[in-house]
Amino acid sequence: FGVVSGKENFRTLLLEHESFMKVFREAIIKFFSEKPETRYVFEQIMPMLIPRTDLSFGDDSIFNGIALGIVYGMMMDLGYRKD
């Protein structure tokens, strides 16, 4: 029922995700140091996130909500936001 089948495919997916998260984290740090505002960081990071979705542009509000949660969550993990 999943999108990934087989141990090797699952391993590939996890390694790609791990690699992406390192780049994503560094981008959050960079953009926050340029301008410590959530909106700015969110707007700067969106070009990284958009290619990683299959949602159509009609689903922008859904994707934006998910993306904001991911960005804000990383900002919390980094200690930039408290809640």
PDB file of N, CA and C in Angstrom:
ATOM      1  N   PHE A   1       0.805  -1.197   0.000  1.00  0.00           N
ATOM      2  CA  PHE A   1       0.000   0.000   0.000  1.00  0.00           C
ATOM      3  C   PHE A   1       0.840   1.250   0.000  1.00  0.00           C
ATOM      4  N   GLY A   2       2.105   1.132   0.270  1.00  0.00           N
ATOM      5  CA  GLY A   2       2.961   2.316   0.359  1.00  0.00           C
ATOM      6  C   GLY A   2       3.560   2.726  -0.961  1.00  0.00           C
ATOM      7  N   VAL A   3       4.244   3.823  -0.933  1.00  0.00           N
ATOM      8  CA  VAL A   3       4.910   4.324  -2.127  1.00  0.00           C
ATOM      9  C   VAL A   3       6.251   3.655  -2.338  1.00  0.00           C
ATOM     10  N   VAL A   4       6.790   3.084  -1.288  1.00  0.00           N
ATOM     11  CA  VAL A   4       8.110   2.483  -1.355  1.00  0.00           C
ATOM     12  C   VAL A   4       7.979   0.989  -1.099  1.00  0.00           C
ATOM     13  N   SER A   5       8.582   0.199  -1.965  1.00  0.00           N
ATOM     14  CA  SER A   5       8.576  -1.248  -1.734  1.00  0.00           C
ATOM     15  C   SER A   5      10.007  -1.763  -1.825  1.00  0.00           C
ATOM     16  N   GLY A   6      10.336  -2.664  -0.959  1.00  0.00           N
ATOM     17  CA  GLY A   6      11.672  -3.250  -0.951  1.00  0.00           C
ATOM     18  C   GLY A   6      12.628  -2.518  -0.035  1.00  0.00           C
ATOM     19  N   LYS A   7      13.500  -3.303   0.589  1.00  0.00           N
ATOM     20  CA  LYS A   7      14.457  -2.728   1.550  1.00  0.00           C
ATOM     21  C   LYS A   7      15.395  -1.714   0.907  1.00  0.00           C
ATOM     22  N   GLU A   8      15.874  -2.022  -0.295  1.00  0.00           N
ATOM     23  CA  GLU A   8      16.831  -1.123  -0.944  1.00  0.00           C
ATOM     24  C   GLU A   8      16.186   0.209  -1.312  1.00  0.00           C
ATOM     25  N   ASN A   9      14.951   0.166  -1.797  1.00  0.00           N
ATOM     26  CA  ASN A   9      14.240   1.405  -2.123  1.00  0.00           C
ATOM     27  C   ASN A   9      13.978   2.223  -0.865  1.00  0.00           C
ATOM     28  N   PHE A  10      13.636   1.547   0.219  1.00  0.00           N
ATOM     29  CA  PHE A  10      13.382   2.232   1.482  1.00  0.00           C
ATOM     30  C   PHE A  10      14.667   2.885   1.982  1.00  0.00           C
ATOM     31  N   ARG A  11      15.765   2.160   1.878  1.00  0.00           N
ATOM     32  CA  ARG A  11      17.067   2.701   2.297  1.00  0.00           C
ATOM     33  C   ARG A  11      17.419   3.939   1.467  1.00  0.00           C
ATOM     34  N   THR A  12      17.202   3.862   0.173  1.00  0.00           N
ATOM     35  CA  THR A  12      17.473   4.997  -0.719  1.00  0.00           C
ATOM     36  C   THR A  12      16.651   6.208  -0.306  1.00  0.00           C
ATOM     37  N   LEU A  13      15.378   5.996  -0.023  1.00  0.00           N
ATOM     38  CA  LEU A  13      14.494   7.080   0.405  1.00  0.00           C
ATOM     39  C   LEU A  13      14.982   7.703   1.707  1.00  0.00           C
ATOM     40  N   LEU A  14      15.332   6.880   2.675  1.00  0.00           N
ATOM     41  CA  LEU A  14      15.802   7.405   3.961  1.00  0.00           C
ATOM     42  C   LEU A  14      17.106   8.185   3.820  1.00  0.00           C
ATOM     43  N   LEU A  15      18.021   7.683   3.006  1.00  0.00           N
ATOM     44  CA  LEU A  15      19.288   8.392   2.806  1.00  0.00           C
ATOM     45  C   LEU A  15      19.073   9.732   2.104  1.00  0.00           C
ATOM     46  N   GLU A  16      18.164   9.759   1.132  1.00  0.00           N
ATOM     47  CA  GLU A  16      17.859  11.012   0.442  1.00  0.00           C
ATOM     48  C   GLU A  16      17.228  12.003   1.414  1.00  0.00           C
ATOM     49  N   HIS A  17      16.328  11.508   2.264  1.00  0.00           N
ATOM     50  CA  HIS A  17      15.675  12.379   3.243  1.00  0.00           C
ATOM     51  C   HIS A  17      16.704  12.936   4.233  1.00  0.00           C
ATOM     52  N   GLU A  18      17.596  12.080   4.692  1.00  0.00           N
ATOM     53  CA  GLU A  18      18.636  12.530   5.620  1.00  0.00           C
ATOM     54  C   GLU A  18      19.494  13.623   4.978  1.00  0.00           C
ATOM     55  N   SER A  19      19.864  13.422   3.739  1.00  0.00           N
ATOM     56  CA  SER A  19      20.663  14.410   3.016  1.00  0.00           C
ATOM     57  C   SER A  19      19.901  15.724   2.854  1.00  0.00           C
ATOM     58  N   PHE A  20      18.634  15.625   2.462  1.00  0.00           N
ATOM     59  CA  PHE A  20      17.817  16.828   2.288  1.00  0.00           C
ATOM     60  C   PHE A  20      17.672  17.587   3.602  1.00  0.00           C
ATOM     61  N   MET A  21      17.448  16.882   4.699  1.00  0.00           N
ATOM     62  CA  MET A  21      17.236  17.552   5.979  1.00  0.00           C
ATOM     63  C   MET A  21      18.473  18.334   6.415  1.00  0.00           C
ATOM     64  N   LYS A  22      19.650  17.851   6.091  1.00  0.00           N
ATOM     65  CA  LYS A  22      20.873  18.598   6.419  1.00  0.00           C
ATOM     66  C   LYS A  22      20.923  19.908   5.633  1.00  0.00           C
ATOM     67  N   VAL A  23      20.609  19.832   4.349  1.00  0.00           N
ATOM     68  CA  VAL A  23      20.590  21.030   3.495  1.00  0.00           C
ATOM     69  C   VAL A  23      19.491  21.986   3.957  1.00  0.00           C
ATOM     70  N   PHE A  24      18.317  21.438   4.263  1.00  0.00           N
ATOM     71  CA  PHE A  24      17.175  22.225   4.732  1.00  0.00           C
ATOM     72  C   PHE A  24      17.527  22.962   6.028  1.00  0.00           C
ATOM     73  N   ARG A  25      18.137  22.261   6.962  1.00  0.00           N
ATOM     74  CA  ARG A  25      18.517  22.855   8.249  1.00  0.00           C
ATOM     75  C   ARG A  25      19.499  24.009   8.037  1.00  0.00           C
ATOM     76  N   GLU A  26      20.504  23.790   7.211  1.00  0.00           N
ATOM     77  CA  GLU A  26      21.487  24.838   6.931  1.00  0.00           C
ATOM     78  C   GLU A  26      20.842  26.044   6.254  1.00  0.00           C
ATOM     79  N   ALA A  27      19.871  25.793   5.385  1.00  0.00           N
ATOM     80  CA  ALA A  27      19.169  26.895   4.715  1.00  0.00           C
ATOM     81  C   ALA A  27      18.365  27.712   5.725  1.00  0.00           C
ATOM     82  N   ILE A  28      17.714  27.040   6.661  1.00  0.00           N
ATOM     83  CA  ILE A  28      16.959  27.752   7.703  1.00  0.00           C
ATOM     84  C   ILE A  28      17.911  28.645   8.501  1.00  0.00           C
ATOM     85  N   ILE A  29      19.048  28.097   8.883  1.00  0.00           N
ATOM     86  CA  ILE A  29      20.042  28.874   9.640  1.00  0.00           C
ATOM     87  C   ILE A  29      20.487  30.095   8.834  1.00  0.00           C
ATOM     88  N   LYS A  30      20.793  29.888   7.567  1.00  0.00           N
ATOM     89  CA  LYS A  30      21.251  30.981   6.699  1.00  0.00           C
ATOM     90  C   LYS A  30      20.191  32.069   6.574  1.00  0.00           C
ATOM     91  N   PHE A  31      18.963  31.668   6.229  1.00  0.00           N
ATOM     92  CA  PHE A  31      17.909  32.661   6.012  1.00  0.00           C
ATOM     93  C   PHE A  31      17.536  33.377   7.310  1.00  0.00           C
ATOM     94  N   PHE A  32      17.545  32.661   8.436  1.00  0.00           N
ATOM     95  CA  PHE A  32      17.224  33.295   9.712  1.00  0.00           C
ATOM     96  C   PHE A  32      18.307  34.303  10.084  1.00  0.00           C
ATOM     97  N   SER A  33      19.559  33.995   9.761  1.00  0.00           N
ATOM     98  CA  SER A  33      20.639  34.942  10.078  1.00  0.00           C
ATOM     99  C   SER A  33      20.553  36.188   9.197  1.00  0.00           C
ATOM    100  N   GLU A  34      20.018  36.044   7.983  1.00  0.00           N
ATOM    101  CA  GLU A  34      19.828  37.199   7.104  1.00  0.00           C
ATOM    102  C   GLU A  34      18.719  38.114   7.623  1.00  0.00           C
ATOM    103  N   LYS A  35      17.628  37.494   8.077  1.00  0.00           N
ATOM    104  CA  LYS A  35      16.480  38.263   8.557  1.00  0.00           C
ATOM    105  C   LYS A  35      15.662  37.350   9.471  1.00  0.00           C
ATOM    106  N   PRO A  36      15.705  37.573  10.770  1.00  0.00           N
ATOM    107  CA  PRO A  36      15.074  36.657  11.718  1.00  0.00           C
ATOM    108  C   PRO A  36      13.544  36.801  11.814  1.00  0.00           C
ATOM    109  N   GLU A  37      12.896  36.613  10.693  1.00  0.00           N
ATOM    110  CA  GLU A  37      11.432  36.667  10.635  1.00  0.00           C
ATOM    111  C   GLU A  37      10.924  35.385   9.989  1.00  0.00           C
ATOM    112  N   THR A  38       9.903  34.802  10.582  1.00  0.00           N
ATOM    113  CA  THR A  38       9.344  33.552  10.065  1.00  0.00           C
ATOM    114  C   THR A  38       8.892  33.700   8.623  1.00  0.00           C
ATOM    115  N   ARG A  39       8.203  34.783   8.309  1.00  0.00           N
ATOM    116  CA  ARG A  39       7.714  34.986   6.939  1.00  0.00           C
ATOM    117  C   ARG A  39       8.874  34.997   5.941  1.00  0.00           C
ATOM    118  N   TYR A  40       9.943  35.697   6.272  1.00  0.00           N
ATOM    119  CA  TYR A  40      11.102  35.764   5.375  1.00  0.00           C
ATOM    120  C   TYR A  40      11.703  34.373   5.163  1.00  0.00           C
ATOM    121  N   VAL A  41      11.938  33.661   6.254  1.00  0.00           N
ATOM    122  CA  VAL A  41      12.522  32.320   6.156  1.00  0.00           C
ATOM    123  C   VAL A  41      11.619  31.424   5.315  1.00  0.00           C
ATOM    124  N   PHE A  42      10.318  31.476   5.576  1.00  0.00           N
ATOM    125  CA  PHE A  42       9.343  30.669   4.837  1.00  0.00           C
ATOM    126  C   PHE A  42       9.387  30.988   3.344  1.00  0.00           C
ATOM    127  N   GLU A  43       9.377  32.254   2.996  1.00  0.00           N
ATOM    128  CA  GLU A  43       9.391  32.654   1.583  1.00  0.00           C
ATOM    129  C   GLU A  43      10.687  32.231   0.886  1.00  0.00           C
ATOM    130  N   GLN A  44      11.797  32.308   1.603  1.00  0.00           N
ATOM    131  CA  GLN A  44      13.083  31.933   1.009  1.00  0.00           C
ATOM    132  C   GLN A  44      13.217  30.418   0.822  1.00  0.00           C
ATOM    133  N   ILE A  45      12.605  29.656   1.715  1.00  0.00           N
ATOM    134  CA  ILE A  45      12.765  28.200   1.688  1.00  0.00           C
ATOM    135  C   ILE A  45      11.799  27.525   0.710  1.00  0.00           C
ATOM    136  N   MET A  46      10.725  28.215   0.351  1.00  0.00           N
ATOM    137  CA  MET A  46       9.710  27.598  -0.517  1.00  0.00           C
ATOM    138  C   MET A  46      10.263  27.062  -1.835  1.00  0.00           C
ATOM    139  N   PRO A  47      11.190  27.739  -2.517  1.00  0.00           N
ATOM    140  CA  PRO A  47      11.724  27.159  -3.757  1.00  0.00           C
ATOM    141  C   PRO A  47      12.399  25.793  -3.560  1.00  0.00           C
ATOM    142  N   MET A  48      12.869  25.510  -2.353  1.00  0.00           N
ATOM    143  CA  MET A  48      13.433  24.191  -2.053  1.00  0.00           C
ATOM    144  C   MET A  48      12.341  23.150  -1.876  1.00  0.00           C
ATOM    145  N   LEU A  49      11.209  23.569  -1.336  1.00  0.00           N
ATOM    146  CA  LEU A  49      10.150  22.626  -0.977  1.00  0.00           C
ATOM    147  C   LEU A  49       9.194  22.317  -2.123  1.00  0.00           C
ATOM    148  N   ILE A  50       8.901  23.296  -2.954  1.00  0.00           N
ATOM    149  CA  ILE A  50       7.907  23.120  -4.020  1.00  0.00           C
ATOM    150  C   ILE A  50       8.218  21.926  -4.926  1.00  0.00           C
ATOM    151  N   PRO A  51       9.453  21.729  -5.376  1.00  0.00           N
ATOM    152  CA  PRO A  51       9.720  20.582  -6.254  1.00  0.00           C
ATOM    153  C   PRO A  51       9.542  19.222  -5.569  1.00  0.00           C
ATOM    154  N   ARG A  52       9.408  19.211  -4.258  1.00  0.00           N
ATOM    155  CA  ARG A  52       9.304  17.953  -3.519  1.00  0.00           C
ATOM    156  C   ARG A  52       7.862  17.515  -3.285  1.00  0.00           C
ATOM    157  N   THR A  53       6.911  18.145  -3.951  1.00  0.00           N
ATOM    158  CA  THR A  53       5.508  17.787  -3.751  1.00  0.00           C
ATOM    159  C   THR A  53       4.831  17.435  -5.066  1.00  0.00           C
ATOM    160  N   ASP A  54       3.793  16.639  -4.961  1.00  0.00           N
ATOM    161  CA  ASP A  54       2.953  16.316  -6.116  1.00  0.00           C
ATOM    162  C   ASP A  54       1.643  17.096  -6.066  1.00  0.00           C
ATOM    163  N   LEU A  55       1.466  17.909  -5.043  1.00  0.00           N
ATOM    164  CA  LEU A  55       0.223  18.671  -4.930  1.00  0.00           C
ATOM    165  C   LEU A  55       0.116  19.650  -6.090  1.00  0.00           C
ATOM    166  N   SER A  56      -1.073  19.783  -6.621  1.00  0.00           N
ATOM    167  CA  SER A  56      -1.277  20.742  -7.711  1.00  0.00           C
ATOM    168  C   SER A  56      -1.318  22.149  -7.127  1.00  0.00           C
ATOM    169  N   PHE A  57      -1.211  23.132  -7.993  1.00  0.00           N
ATOM    170  CA  PHE A  57      -1.222  24.507  -7.500  1.00  0.00           C
ATOM    171  C   PHE A  57      -2.568  24.886  -6.909  1.00  0.00           C
ATOM    172  N   GLY A  58      -3.625  24.136  -7.202  1.00  0.00           N
ATOM    173  CA  GLY A  58      -4.911  24.369  -6.561  1.00  0.00           C
ATOM    174  C   GLY A  58      -4.895  23.994  -5.095  1.00  0.00           C
ATOM    175  N   ASP A  59      -3.877  23.233  -4.693  1.00  0.00           N
ATOM    176  CA  ASP A  59      -3.749  22.791  -3.308  1.00  0.00           C
ATOM    177  C   ASP A  59      -2.764  23.653  -2.524  1.00  0.00           C
ATOM    178  N   ASP A  60      -2.531  24.866  -2.988  1.00  0.00           N
ATOM    179  CA  ASP A  60      -1.545  25.744  -2.354  1.00  0.00           C
ATOM    180  C   ASP A  60      -1.755  25.913  -0.860  1.00  0.00           C
ATOM    181  N   SER A  61      -2.995  26.082  -0.425  1.00  0.00           N
ATOM    182  CA  SER A  61      -3.231  26.327   0.998  1.00  0.00           C
ATOM    183  C   SER A  61      -2.845  25.103   1.823  1.00  0.00           C
ATOM    184  N   ILE A  62      -3.086  23.918   1.290  1.00  0.00           N
ATOM    185  CA  ILE A  62      -2.695  22.698   2.000  1.00  0.00           C
ATOM    186  C   ILE A  62      -1.172  22.622   2.084  1.00  0.00           C
ATOM    187  N   PHE A  63      -0.513  22.788   0.948  1.00  0.00           N
ATOM    188  CA  PHE A  63       0.950  22.710   0.916  1.00  0.00           C
ATOM    189  C   PHE A  63       1.573  23.800   1.773  1.00  0.00           C
ATOM    190  N   ASN A  64       1.056  25.018   1.687  1.00  0.00           N
ATOM    191  CA  ASN A  64       1.603  26.124   2.481  1.00  0.00           C
ATOM    192  C   ASN A  64       1.495  25.842   3.968  1.00  0.00           C
ATOM    193  N   GLY A  65       0.374  25.274   4.387  1.00  0.00           N
ATOM    194  CA  GLY A  65       0.203  24.939   5.798  1.00  0.00           C
ATOM    195  C   GLY A  65       1.199  23.890   6.259  1.00  0.00           C
ATOM    196  N   ILE A  66       1.374  22.860   5.438  1.00  0.00           N
ATOM    197  CA  ILE A  66       2.343  21.814   5.760  1.00  0.00           C
ATOM    198  C   ILE A  66       3.757  22.395   5.778  1.00  0.00           C
ATOM    199  N   ALA A  67       4.091  23.175   4.762  1.00  0.00           N
ATOM    200  CA  ALA A  67       5.430  23.768   4.659  1.00  0.00           C
ATOM    201  C   ALA A  67       5.713  24.700   5.833  1.00  0.00           C
ATOM    202  N   LEU A  68       4.736  25.514   6.210  1.00  0.00           N
ATOM    203  CA  LEU A  68       4.925  26.418   7.346  1.00  0.00           C
ATOM    204  C   LEU A  68       5.186  25.619   8.619  1.00  0.00           C
ATOM    205  N   GLY A  69       4.454  24.532   8.799  1.00  0.00           N
ATOM    206  CA  GLY A  69       4.677  23.676   9.968  1.00  0.00           C
ATOM    207  C   GLY A  69       6.082  23.092   9.995  1.00  0.00           C
ATOM    208  N   ILE A  70       6.565  22.673   8.842  1.00  0.00           N
ATOM    209  CA  ILE A  70       7.912  22.102   8.744  1.00  0.00           C
ATOM    210  C   ILE A  70       8.973  23.168   9.020  1.00  0.00           C
ATOM    211  N   VAL A  71       8.803  24.337   8.424  1.00  0.00           N
ATOM    212  CA  VAL A  71       9.757  25.434   8.629  1.00  0.00           C
ATOM    213  C   VAL A  71       9.750  25.872  10.091  1.00  0.00           C
ATOM    214  N   TYR A  72       8.564  26.086  10.641  1.00  0.00           N
ATOM    215  CA  TYR A  72       8.458  26.548  12.024  1.00  0.00           C
ATOM    216  C   TYR A  72       9.009  25.495  12.990  1.00  0.00           C
ATOM    217  N   GLY A  73       8.731  24.229  12.693  1.00  0.00           N
ATOM    218  CA  GLY A  73       9.256  23.146  13.529  1.00  0.00           C
ATOM    219  C   GLY A  73      10.777  23.135  13.556  1.00  0.00           C
ATOM    220  N   MET A  74      11.397  23.331  12.402  1.00  0.00           N
ATOM    221  CA  MET A  74      12.862  23.375  12.358  1.00  0.00           C
ATOM    222  C   MET A  74      13.373  24.602  13.106  1.00  0.00           C
ATOM    223  N   MET A  75      12.668  25.718  12.991  1.00  0.00           N
ATOM    224  CA  MET A  75      13.071  26.920  13.722  1.00  0.00           C
ATOM    225  C   MET A  75      12.986  26.677  15.231  1.00  0.00           C
ATOM    226  N   MET A  76      11.989  25.932  15.669  1.00  0.00           N
ATOM    227  CA  MET A  76      11.879  25.578  17.087  1.00  0.00           C
ATOM    228  C   MET A  76      13.032  24.657  17.497  1.00  0.00           C
ATOM    229  N   ASP A  77      13.312  23.650  16.659  1.00  0.00           N
ATOM    230  CA  ASP A  77      14.420  22.737  16.958  1.00  0.00           C
ATOM    231  C   ASP A  77      15.743  23.485  17.097  1.00  0.00           C
ATOM    232  N   LEU A  78      15.909  24.527  16.304  1.00  0.00           N
ATOM    233  CA  LEU A  78      17.140  25.323  16.338  1.00  0.00           C
ATOM    234  C   LEU A  78      17.139  26.359  17.463  1.00  0.00           C
ATOM    235  N   GLY A  79      16.022  26.480  18.175  1.00  0.00           N
ATOM    236  CA  GLY A  79      15.931  27.430  19.274  1.00  0.00           C
ATOM    237  C   GLY A  79      15.559  28.841  18.850  1.00  0.00           C
ATOM    238  N   TYR A  80      15.128  29.005  17.601  1.00  0.00           N
ATOM    239  CA  TYR A  80      14.746  30.327  17.103  1.00  0.00           C
ATOM    240  C   TYR A  80      13.335  30.716  17.523  1.00  0.00           C
ATOM    241  N   ARG A  81      12.510  29.739  17.811  1.00  0.00           N
ATOM    242  CA  ARG A  81      11.131  29.982  18.249  1.00  0.00           C
ATOM    243  C   ARG A  81      10.853  29.098  19.459  1.00  0.00           C
ATOM    244  N   LYS A  82      10.011  29.586  20.352  1.00  0.00           N
ATOM    245  CA  LYS A  82       9.713  28.839  21.580  1.00  0.00           C
ATOM    246  C   LYS A  82       8.441  28.007  21.473  1.00  0.00           C
ATOM    247  N   ASP A  83       7.399  28.540  20.814  1.00  0.00           N
ATOM    248  CA  ASP A  83       6.138  27.803  20.669  1.00  0.00           C
ATOM    249  C   ASP A  83       5.368  28.289  19.484  1.00  0.00           C
TER     250      ASP A  83
END
